[in-house]
N, C-alpha and C. Protein backbone atom coordinates (compact mmCIF):
# COMPACT_ATOMS: atom_id res chain seq x y z
N UNK A 1 0.86 -1.15 -0.01
CA UNK A 1 -0.02 0.04 0.02
C UNK A 1 0.86 1.24 -0.01
N UNK A 2 0.64 2.18 -0.86
CA UNK A 2 1.46 3.26 -1.05
C UNK A 2 0.87 4.47 -0.27
N UNK A 3 1.72 5.25 0.46
CA UNK A 3 1.24 6.39 1.18
C UNK A 3 1.47 7.65 0.38
N UNK A 4 0.50 8.45 0.30
CA UNK A 4 0.53 9.75 -0.44
C UNK A 4 0.51 10.88 0.56
N UNK A 5 1.44 11.82 0.38
CA UNK A 5 1.48 13.05 1.24
C UNK A 5 0.80 14.11 0.47
N UNK A 6 0.02 15.04 1.17
CA UNK A 6 -0.59 16.13 0.51
C UNK A 6 0.54 17.02 -0.11
N UNK A 7 0.39 17.59 -1.24
CA UNK A 7 1.42 18.36 -1.97
C UNK A 7 1.95 19.51 -1.28
N UNK A 8 0.97 20.17 -0.43
CA UNK A 8 1.56 21.42 0.37
C UNK A 8 2.55 21.05 1.41
N UNK A 9 2.60 19.68 1.77
CA UNK A 9 3.62 19.27 2.85
C UNK A 9 4.93 18.69 2.22
N UNK A 10 5.01 18.91 0.92
CA UNK A 10 6.05 18.31 0.21
C UNK A 10 6.87 19.42 -0.64
N UNK A 11 8.16 19.10 -0.85
CA UNK A 11 8.96 19.91 -1.65
C UNK A 11 9.71 18.99 -2.61
N UNK A 12 10.02 19.61 -3.78
CA UNK A 12 10.85 18.84 -4.71
C UNK A 12 12.32 18.87 -4.23
N UNK A 13 13.01 17.83 -4.27
CA UNK A 13 14.38 17.76 -3.65
C UNK A 13 15.35 17.48 -4.75
N UNK A 14 16.42 18.26 -4.83
CA UNK A 14 17.49 17.98 -5.79
C UNK A 14 18.27 16.82 -5.36
N UNK A 15 19.04 16.27 -6.27
CA UNK A 15 19.88 15.11 -5.95
C UNK A 15 20.97 15.50 -4.98
N UNK A 16 21.62 16.65 -5.22
CA UNK A 16 22.58 17.29 -4.32
C UNK A 16 22.13 18.67 -4.18
N UNK A 17 22.82 19.38 -3.28
CA UNK A 17 22.39 20.83 -3.02
C UNK A 17 22.64 21.74 -4.23
N UNK A 18 23.59 21.23 -5.15
CA UNK A 18 23.91 22.15 -6.34
C UNK A 18 23.10 21.85 -7.53
N UNK A 19 22.24 20.74 -7.49
CA UNK A 19 21.38 20.38 -8.72
C UNK A 19 20.07 21.04 -8.59
N UNK A 20 19.47 21.26 -9.71
CA UNK A 20 18.09 21.76 -9.72
C UNK A 20 17.19 20.62 -9.24
N UNK A 21 15.97 20.93 -8.78
CA UNK A 21 15.00 19.96 -8.37
C UNK A 21 14.73 19.04 -9.53
N UNK A 22 14.52 17.74 -9.15
CA UNK A 22 14.20 16.67 -10.07
C UNK A 22 12.69 16.37 -9.91
N UNK A 23 11.97 16.49 -11.08
CA UNK A 23 10.56 16.21 -11.08
C UNK A 23 10.33 14.74 -10.60
N UNK A 24 9.32 14.57 -9.81
CA UNK A 24 8.99 13.26 -9.32
C UNK A 24 9.71 12.76 -8.04
N UNK A 25 10.75 13.46 -7.68
CA UNK A 25 11.44 13.04 -6.45
C UNK A 25 10.97 14.01 -5.37
N UNK A 26 10.11 13.43 -4.49
CA UNK A 26 9.44 14.24 -3.51
C UNK A 26 9.86 13.84 -2.13
N UNK A 27 10.10 14.82 -1.27
CA UNK A 27 10.49 14.56 0.12
C UNK A 27 9.57 15.35 1.01
N UNK A 28 9.21 14.85 2.21
CA UNK A 28 8.41 15.60 3.21
C UNK A 28 9.23 16.82 3.63
N UNK A 29 8.58 17.90 3.77
CA UNK A 29 9.13 19.21 4.15
C UNK A 29 9.69 19.01 5.57
N UNK A 30 10.87 19.55 5.75
CA UNK A 30 11.55 19.51 7.09
C UNK A 30 11.27 20.87 7.78
N UNK A 31 10.76 20.74 8.95
CA UNK A 31 10.52 21.98 9.68
C UNK A 31 11.69 22.11 10.68
N UNK A 32 12.39 23.20 10.69
CA UNK A 32 13.43 23.27 11.78
C UNK A 32 12.93 23.15 13.16
N UNK A 33 13.62 22.28 13.86
CA UNK A 33 13.24 22.08 15.28
C UNK A 33 14.03 23.12 16.15
N UNK A 34 13.35 23.84 16.90
CA UNK A 34 13.95 24.90 17.77
C UNK A 34 13.82 24.37 19.20
N UNK A 35 14.93 24.40 19.88
CA UNK A 35 14.84 24.13 21.28
C UNK A 35 14.94 25.43 22.00
N UNK A 36 13.97 25.78 22.70
CA UNK A 36 13.93 27.15 23.34
C UNK A 36 14.55 27.06 24.78
N UNK A 37 15.24 25.97 25.06
CA UNK A 37 15.87 25.90 26.39
C UNK A 37 16.96 27.07 26.45
N UNK A 38 17.09 27.65 27.63
CA UNK A 38 18.05 28.69 27.83
C UNK A 38 19.46 28.11 27.75
N UNK A 39 19.69 26.86 27.84
CA UNK A 39 20.91 26.30 27.71
C UNK A 39 21.36 25.85 26.36
N UNK A 40 20.46 25.87 25.43
CA UNK A 40 20.74 25.50 24.04
C UNK A 40 21.39 26.67 23.36
N UNK A 41 22.42 26.36 22.57
CA UNK A 41 23.12 27.41 21.83
C UNK A 41 23.02 27.11 20.33
N UNK A 42 22.81 28.18 19.58
CA UNK A 42 22.84 28.02 18.15
C UNK A 42 24.36 27.74 17.66
N UNK A 43 24.56 27.12 16.51
CA UNK A 43 25.88 26.89 16.03
C UNK A 43 26.66 28.12 15.96
N UNK A 44 26.07 29.25 15.55
CA UNK A 44 26.80 30.51 15.42
C UNK A 44 27.29 31.05 16.77
N UNK A 45 26.35 30.85 17.83
CA UNK A 45 26.80 31.20 19.13
C UNK A 45 28.00 30.40 19.62
N UNK A 46 28.02 29.08 19.35
CA UNK A 46 29.13 28.25 19.65
C UNK A 46 30.41 28.69 18.97
N UNK A 47 30.26 29.01 17.70
CA UNK A 47 31.42 29.49 16.91
C UNK A 47 32.03 30.80 17.56
N UNK A 48 31.18 31.71 17.95
CA UNK A 48 31.62 32.97 18.57
C UNK A 48 32.31 32.62 19.94
N UNK A 49 31.74 31.75 20.66
CA UNK A 49 32.28 31.44 21.99
C UNK A 49 33.65 30.69 21.80
N UNK A 50 33.74 29.78 20.86
CA UNK A 50 35.06 29.05 20.65
C UNK A 50 36.05 30.00 20.25
N UNK A 51 35.75 31.02 19.31
CA UNK A 51 36.75 32.01 18.92
C UNK A 51 37.16 32.87 20.11
N UNK A 52 36.19 33.24 20.95
CA UNK A 52 36.61 34.08 22.14
C UNK A 52 37.48 33.30 23.14
N UNK A 53 37.23 31.99 23.25
CA UNK A 53 38.10 31.10 24.05
C UNK A 53 39.47 31.06 23.50
N UNK A 54 39.58 30.94 22.17
CA UNK A 54 40.83 30.88 21.53
C UNK A 54 41.58 32.20 21.58
N UNK A 55 40.84 33.26 21.43
CA UNK A 55 41.47 34.59 21.41
C UNK A 55 40.51 35.58 22.11
N UNK A 56 40.68 35.84 23.33
CA UNK A 56 39.83 36.73 24.12
C UNK A 56 39.85 38.15 23.69
N UNK A 57 40.84 38.53 22.82
CA UNK A 57 40.92 39.93 22.23
C UNK A 57 40.44 39.98 20.87
N UNK A 58 39.76 39.01 20.42
CA UNK A 58 39.21 38.99 19.00
C UNK A 58 38.31 40.14 18.74
N UNK A 59 38.49 40.70 17.62
CA UNK A 59 37.56 41.87 17.17
C UNK A 59 36.23 41.35 16.77
N UNK A 60 35.26 42.22 16.69
CA UNK A 60 33.93 41.78 16.16
C UNK A 60 34.11 41.22 14.73
N UNK A 61 34.95 41.80 13.89
CA UNK A 61 35.11 41.34 12.58
C UNK A 61 35.69 39.94 12.58
N UNK A 62 36.64 39.64 13.54
CA UNK A 62 37.22 38.30 13.62
C UNK A 62 36.08 37.26 14.10
N UNK A 63 35.37 37.73 15.05
CA UNK A 63 34.27 36.83 15.55
C UNK A 63 33.24 36.49 14.47
N UNK A 64 32.90 37.58 13.62
CA UNK A 64 31.91 37.42 12.59
C UNK A 64 32.53 36.39 11.54
N UNK A 65 33.73 36.56 11.19
CA UNK A 65 34.38 35.60 10.24
C UNK A 65 34.34 34.19 10.73
N UNK A 66 34.62 33.98 12.02
CA UNK A 66 34.65 32.66 12.57
C UNK A 66 33.32 32.09 12.62
N UNK A 67 32.20 32.89 12.80
CA UNK A 67 30.85 32.46 12.82
C UNK A 67 30.18 32.48 11.55
N UNK A 68 30.87 32.97 10.49
CA UNK A 68 30.36 33.08 9.11
C UNK A 68 29.04 33.82 9.13
N UNK A 69 29.10 35.07 9.56
CA UNK A 69 27.95 35.98 9.56
C UNK A 69 28.41 37.41 9.49
N UNK A 70 27.52 38.30 9.28
CA UNK A 70 27.85 39.72 9.16
C UNK A 70 28.20 40.22 10.52
N UNK A 71 28.97 41.37 10.45
CA UNK A 71 29.47 41.91 11.75
C UNK A 71 28.35 42.44 12.59
N UNK A 72 27.35 43.02 11.93
CA UNK A 72 26.16 43.56 12.72
C UNK A 72 25.42 42.36 13.41
N UNK A 73 25.18 41.29 12.73
CA UNK A 73 24.54 40.12 13.33
C UNK A 73 25.36 39.56 14.41
N UNK A 74 26.67 39.50 14.17
CA UNK A 74 27.59 38.92 15.22
C UNK A 74 27.54 39.81 16.52
N UNK A 75 27.55 41.09 16.25
CA UNK A 75 27.45 42.06 17.44
C UNK A 75 26.20 41.83 18.22
N UNK A 76 25.05 41.66 17.53
CA UNK A 76 23.81 41.40 18.29
C UNK A 76 23.89 40.07 19.01
N UNK A 77 24.41 39.07 18.40
CA UNK A 77 24.43 37.77 19.04
C UNK A 77 25.37 37.77 20.32
N UNK A 78 26.53 38.60 20.12
CA UNK A 78 27.47 38.65 21.31
C UNK A 78 26.70 39.38 22.44
N UNK A 79 26.02 40.47 22.15
CA UNK A 79 25.34 41.20 23.19
C UNK A 79 24.26 40.29 23.82
N UNK A 80 23.63 39.45 23.12
CA UNK A 80 22.63 38.54 23.72
C UNK A 80 23.32 37.52 24.67
N UNK A 81 24.46 37.03 24.18
CA UNK A 81 25.19 35.99 24.97
C UNK A 81 25.56 36.73 26.34
N UNK A 82 26.01 38.02 26.31
CA UNK A 82 26.29 38.69 27.52
C UNK A 82 25.11 38.95 28.41
N UNK A 83 24.03 39.36 27.79
CA UNK A 83 22.75 39.56 28.48
C UNK A 83 22.22 38.40 29.16
N UNK A 84 22.31 37.26 28.46
CA UNK A 84 21.79 35.97 29.10
C UNK A 84 22.71 35.36 30.11
N UNK A 85 23.87 35.98 30.31
CA UNK A 85 24.86 35.52 31.29
C UNK A 85 25.73 34.30 30.80
N UNK A 86 25.68 33.99 29.49
CA UNK A 86 26.53 32.90 28.98
C UNK A 86 27.96 33.35 29.05
N UNK A 87 28.17 34.62 28.65
CA UNK A 87 29.53 35.24 28.85
C UNK A 87 29.45 36.05 30.16
N UNK A 88 30.20 35.58 31.18
CA UNK A 88 30.21 36.16 32.50
C UNK A 88 31.11 37.45 32.53
N UNK A 89 32.26 37.26 31.92
CA UNK A 89 33.19 38.47 31.91
C UNK A 89 34.27 38.18 30.83
N UNK A 90 35.13 39.19 30.68
CA UNK A 90 36.32 39.10 29.86
C UNK A 90 37.47 39.26 30.79
N UNK A 91 38.46 38.28 30.61
CA UNK A 91 39.65 38.32 31.59
C UNK A 91 40.94 38.01 30.74
N UNK A 92 42.02 37.99 31.54
CA UNK A 92 43.24 37.67 30.95
C UNK A 92 43.92 36.47 31.80
N UNK A 93 44.64 35.64 31.21
CA UNK A 93 45.30 34.51 31.92
C UNK A 93 46.76 34.98 32.17
N UNK A 94 47.22 34.81 33.37
CA UNK A 94 48.54 35.23 33.77
C UNK A 94 49.25 33.97 34.15
N UNK A 95 50.48 33.79 33.73
CA UNK A 95 51.34 32.64 34.03
C UNK A 95 51.77 32.84 35.54
N UNK A 96 51.40 31.98 36.46
CA UNK A 96 51.60 32.22 37.89
C UNK A 96 53.11 32.39 38.24
N UNK A 97 53.97 31.53 37.61
CA UNK A 97 55.42 31.64 37.88
C UNK A 97 56.01 32.96 37.53
N UNK A 98 55.42 33.59 36.42
CA UNK A 98 55.90 34.82 35.91
C UNK A 98 55.70 36.00 36.97
N UNK A 99 54.73 35.76 37.84
CA UNK A 99 54.41 36.85 38.85
C UNK A 99 54.84 36.30 40.25
N UNK A 100 55.68 35.32 40.35
CA UNK A 100 56.19 34.86 41.58
C UNK A 100 55.30 33.84 42.36
N UNK A 101 54.37 33.35 41.72
CA UNK A 101 53.48 32.35 42.32
C UNK A 101 53.72 31.01 41.83
N UNK A 102 54.75 30.32 42.21
CA UNK A 102 55.18 29.16 41.54
C UNK A 102 54.75 27.86 42.21
N UNK A 103 53.99 27.91 43.25
CA UNK A 103 53.55 26.75 43.97
C UNK A 103 51.95 26.70 43.96
N UNK A 104 51.36 25.55 43.40
CA UNK A 104 49.96 25.42 43.42
C UNK A 104 49.65 24.22 44.28
N UNK A 105 48.65 24.35 45.18
CA UNK A 105 48.26 23.22 45.97
C UNK A 105 46.76 23.03 45.88
N UNK A 106 46.38 21.75 46.05
CA UNK A 106 44.99 21.36 46.11
C UNK A 106 44.75 21.05 47.63
N UNK A 107 43.86 21.85 48.25
CA UNK A 107 43.60 21.70 49.64
C UNK A 107 42.19 21.10 49.85
N UNK A 108 42.15 19.98 50.63
CA UNK A 108 40.93 19.35 50.96
C UNK A 108 40.51 19.84 52.40
N UNK A 109 39.25 20.19 52.44
CA UNK A 109 38.79 20.76 53.72
C UNK A 109 37.44 20.04 54.12
N UNK A 110 37.45 19.60 55.42
CA UNK A 110 36.29 19.01 55.96
C UNK A 110 35.71 19.87 57.06
N UNK A 111 34.43 20.12 57.02
CA UNK A 111 33.78 20.94 57.99
C UNK A 111 33.28 20.08 59.19
N UNK A 112 33.18 20.80 60.29
CA UNK A 112 32.67 20.12 61.54
C UNK A 112 31.25 19.68 61.38
N UNK A 113 30.49 20.57 60.71
CA UNK A 113 29.03 20.19 60.34
C UNK A 113 28.73 20.94 59.12
N UNK A 114 27.66 20.52 58.41
CA UNK A 114 27.27 21.18 57.24
C UNK A 114 25.96 21.80 57.33
N UNK A 115 25.69 22.49 58.44
CA UNK A 115 24.41 23.26 58.58
C UNK A 115 24.56 24.37 57.53
N UNK A 116 23.32 24.87 57.11
CA UNK A 116 23.27 25.93 56.20
C UNK A 116 24.06 27.10 56.65
N UNK A 117 23.95 27.51 57.88
CA UNK A 117 24.70 28.61 58.46
C UNK A 117 26.18 28.48 58.34
N UNK A 118 26.69 27.26 58.72
CA UNK A 118 28.17 27.08 58.70
C UNK A 118 28.66 27.11 57.21
N UNK A 119 27.87 26.51 56.29
CA UNK A 119 28.29 26.44 54.85
C UNK A 119 28.41 27.89 54.34
N UNK A 120 27.41 28.70 54.62
CA UNK A 120 27.37 30.07 54.15
C UNK A 120 28.58 30.78 54.78
N UNK A 121 28.80 30.72 56.07
CA UNK A 121 29.97 31.45 56.68
C UNK A 121 31.24 31.03 56.06
N UNK A 122 31.46 29.70 55.84
CA UNK A 122 32.69 29.16 55.24
C UNK A 122 32.91 29.75 53.89
N UNK A 123 31.85 29.64 53.00
CA UNK A 123 31.92 30.08 51.62
C UNK A 123 32.17 31.59 51.53
N UNK A 124 31.57 32.38 52.31
CA UNK A 124 31.85 33.86 52.37
C UNK A 124 33.27 34.15 52.74
N UNK A 125 33.73 33.41 53.77
CA UNK A 125 35.08 33.64 54.23
C UNK A 125 36.16 33.27 53.21
N UNK A 126 35.93 32.09 52.55
CA UNK A 126 36.94 31.56 51.59
C UNK A 126 36.97 32.47 50.32
N UNK A 127 35.85 33.07 50.01
CA UNK A 127 35.74 33.90 48.83
C UNK A 127 36.64 35.16 48.95
N UNK A 128 37.00 35.52 50.15
CA UNK A 128 37.80 36.74 50.48
C UNK A 128 39.29 36.49 50.47
N UNK A 129 39.67 35.24 50.28
CA UNK A 129 41.11 34.90 50.32
C UNK A 129 41.70 34.96 48.87
N UNK A 130 42.57 35.94 48.60
CA UNK A 130 43.06 36.01 47.27
C UNK A 130 43.84 34.84 46.79
N UNK A 131 44.48 34.13 47.63
CA UNK A 131 45.29 32.93 47.22
C UNK A 131 44.46 31.72 46.75
N UNK A 132 43.18 31.79 47.15
CA UNK A 132 42.21 30.67 46.71
C UNK A 132 41.70 31.05 45.31
N UNK A 133 42.11 30.24 44.30
CA UNK A 133 41.66 30.45 42.93
C UNK A 133 40.37 29.81 42.59
N UNK A 134 40.16 28.67 43.25
CA UNK A 134 38.92 27.88 43.04
C UNK A 134 38.43 27.27 44.37
N UNK A 135 37.12 27.14 44.57
CA UNK A 135 36.56 26.48 45.75
C UNK A 135 35.42 25.68 45.22
N UNK A 136 35.42 24.37 45.49
CA UNK A 136 34.35 23.52 45.01
C UNK A 136 33.72 22.69 46.15
N UNK A 137 32.41 22.77 46.30
CA UNK A 137 31.69 21.91 47.24
C UNK A 137 31.57 20.58 46.65
N UNK A 138 31.93 19.52 47.34
CA UNK A 138 32.03 18.18 46.81
C UNK A 138 31.12 17.28 47.41
N UNK A 139 30.80 16.12 46.78
CA UNK A 139 30.09 15.05 47.32
C UNK A 139 31.00 14.21 48.05
N UNK A 140 30.62 13.44 49.04
CA UNK A 140 31.44 12.59 49.81
C UNK A 140 32.52 13.31 50.58
N UNK A 141 33.71 12.81 50.72
CA UNK A 141 34.78 13.40 51.49
C UNK A 141 35.85 13.80 50.47
N UNK A 142 36.48 14.97 50.64
CA UNK A 142 36.24 16.04 51.56
C UNK A 142 35.00 16.83 51.25
N UNK A 143 34.68 17.79 52.07
CA UNK A 143 33.55 18.61 51.85
C UNK A 143 33.83 19.68 50.79
N UNK A 144 35.09 20.26 50.76
CA UNK A 144 35.48 21.27 49.82
C UNK A 144 36.84 20.97 49.28
N UNK A 145 37.09 21.27 48.02
CA UNK A 145 38.42 21.30 47.42
C UNK A 145 38.83 22.70 47.00
N UNK A 146 39.94 23.12 47.38
CA UNK A 146 40.39 24.42 47.02
C UNK A 146 41.62 24.35 46.17
N UNK A 147 41.83 25.23 45.18
CA UNK A 147 43.05 25.38 44.49
C UNK A 147 43.59 26.67 44.87
N UNK A 148 44.89 26.60 45.45
CA UNK A 148 45.46 27.79 45.91
C UNK A 148 46.80 28.01 45.27
N UNK A 149 47.21 29.28 45.13
CA UNK A 149 48.43 29.63 44.49
C UNK A 149 49.28 30.46 45.38
N UNK A 150 50.48 30.06 45.74
CA UNK A 150 51.44 30.88 46.61
C UNK A 150 52.84 30.86 45.99
N UNK A 151 53.72 31.58 46.54
CA UNK A 151 54.99 31.75 46.12
C UNK A 151 55.85 30.46 46.37
N UNK A 152 55.75 29.88 47.51
CA UNK A 152 56.57 28.73 47.85
C UNK A 152 56.03 27.99 49.08
N UNK A 153 56.71 27.02 49.56
CA UNK A 153 56.25 26.26 50.71
C UNK A 153 55.98 27.16 51.96
N UNK A 154 56.92 28.11 52.10
CA UNK A 154 56.72 29.01 53.26
C UNK A 154 55.44 29.73 53.14
N UNK A 155 55.13 30.11 51.93
CA UNK A 155 53.88 30.91 51.64
C UNK A 155 52.70 30.00 51.95
N UNK A 156 52.71 28.73 51.60
CA UNK A 156 51.69 27.75 51.84
C UNK A 156 51.53 27.57 53.42
N UNK A 157 52.61 27.40 54.06
CA UNK A 157 52.58 27.22 55.50
C UNK A 157 51.98 28.45 56.20
N UNK A 158 52.39 29.66 55.75
CA UNK A 158 51.80 30.84 56.25
C UNK A 158 50.32 31.02 56.02
N UNK A 159 49.89 30.56 54.75
CA UNK A 159 48.39 30.60 54.46
C UNK A 159 47.69 29.63 55.43
N UNK A 160 48.22 28.45 55.70
CA UNK A 160 47.63 27.47 56.60
C UNK A 160 47.52 28.07 58.00
N UNK A 161 48.65 28.55 58.44
CA UNK A 161 48.67 28.96 59.83
C UNK A 161 47.80 30.24 60.15
N UNK A 162 47.72 31.21 59.16
CA UNK A 162 47.12 32.43 59.43
C UNK A 162 45.69 32.50 58.89
N UNK A 163 45.42 31.74 57.92
CA UNK A 163 44.13 31.91 57.18
C UNK A 163 43.23 30.67 57.16
N UNK A 164 43.75 29.66 56.54
CA UNK A 164 42.87 28.42 56.29
C UNK A 164 42.42 27.72 57.58
N UNK A 165 43.30 27.48 58.53
CA UNK A 165 42.88 26.83 59.76
C UNK A 165 41.87 27.70 60.62
N UNK A 166 41.84 29.02 60.24
CA UNK A 166 40.96 29.88 61.00
C UNK A 166 39.58 30.05 60.36
N UNK A 167 39.41 29.42 59.24
CA UNK A 167 38.10 29.54 58.47
C UNK A 167 37.05 28.99 59.34
N UNK A 168 35.88 29.57 59.30
CA UNK A 168 34.74 29.10 60.08
C UNK A 168 34.34 27.66 59.78
N UNK A 169 34.17 26.89 60.85
CA UNK A 169 33.63 25.52 60.69
C UNK A 169 34.64 24.50 60.25
N UNK A 170 35.92 24.78 60.02
CA UNK A 170 36.87 23.82 59.51
C UNK A 170 37.23 22.89 60.64
N UNK A 171 37.06 21.62 60.39
CA UNK A 171 37.50 20.60 61.33
C UNK A 171 38.86 19.97 60.93
N UNK A 172 39.05 19.78 59.64
CA UNK A 172 40.33 19.13 59.17
C UNK A 172 40.63 19.63 57.72
N UNK A 173 41.91 19.56 57.46
CA UNK A 173 42.29 19.84 56.12
C UNK A 173 43.64 19.21 55.81
N UNK A 174 43.85 18.99 54.58
CA UNK A 174 45.11 18.39 54.00
C UNK A 174 45.39 18.97 52.64
N UNK A 175 46.57 18.74 52.17
CA UNK A 175 46.88 19.35 50.89
C UNK A 175 47.73 18.41 50.08
N UNK A 176 47.60 18.62 48.77
CA UNK A 176 48.50 17.99 47.75
C UNK A 176 49.19 19.05 46.98
N UNK A 177 50.56 18.96 46.82
CA UNK A 177 51.19 19.94 45.98
C UNK A 177 51.22 19.50 44.54
N UNK A 178 51.00 20.51 43.64
CA UNK A 178 51.04 20.22 42.19
C UNK A 178 52.49 20.27 41.76
N UNK A 179 52.93 19.06 41.23
CA UNK A 179 54.31 19.07 40.72
C UNK A 179 54.40 19.76 39.30
N UNK A 180 53.43 19.44 38.50
CA UNK A 180 53.40 20.00 37.11
C UNK A 180 52.00 19.93 36.61
N UNK A 181 51.55 21.01 36.02
CA UNK A 181 50.16 21.04 35.43
C UNK A 181 50.25 20.44 33.98
N UNK A 182 49.66 19.32 33.76
CA UNK A 182 49.67 18.72 32.50
C UNK A 182 48.61 19.34 31.54
N UNK A 183 47.48 19.68 32.13
CA UNK A 183 46.48 20.33 31.31
C UNK A 183 45.73 21.38 32.19
N UNK A 184 45.47 22.52 31.66
CA UNK A 184 44.87 23.57 32.43
C UNK A 184 43.98 24.35 31.52
N UNK A 185 42.87 23.73 31.12
CA UNK A 185 41.94 24.45 30.23
C UNK A 185 41.11 25.44 30.91
N UNK A 186 40.86 26.53 30.17
CA UNK A 186 40.00 27.54 30.68
C UNK A 186 38.63 27.45 29.96
N UNK A 187 38.65 27.06 28.69
CA UNK A 187 37.49 26.92 27.94
C UNK A 187 36.65 25.70 28.26
N UNK A 188 35.51 25.62 27.60
CA UNK A 188 34.54 24.50 27.72
C UNK A 188 34.50 23.79 26.41
N UNK A 189 34.06 22.50 26.49
CA UNK A 189 34.02 21.71 25.23
C UNK A 189 32.79 22.11 24.49
N UNK A 190 32.87 23.12 23.69
CA UNK A 190 31.74 23.60 22.89
C UNK A 190 31.67 22.96 21.53
């Protein structure tokens, strides 16, 4: 049994995208599927973001070329990415050793308890410590992982003695020293 589609739901399809339509070769019309999720990105948005990750100082013209679009359309898309909070800020990466911060440590921290009040106090206090580059609330043990950057072992010892062990709610902590960073990506897999 042969199925027939109404003609208004069909388009004539070429053999390839460069050939003219062939009479008698009919395909159902494809309607573009739009995902309106705020987390969904258009391919051009991804191209703009990839270029910015590669070169944070890219001009609008360079971004437009990477996304294969006009400069005005690129500018509008970039502004939308900023307004939606996809782009949080523009920053520069500094080589730590070049500014005298040659020791990186991963610090594991366990809290005495995880009441909402203690967690908030700890997180507010740790956010004020310039040597703490990252702070992650973890599942399991430890409660938090911090990535800290200091000049040397003496700097790490000083940070422990004067700052980290005085953080609110800290019951225990330990650290691992980074011997060498094998991979340190800033970008995301777009």
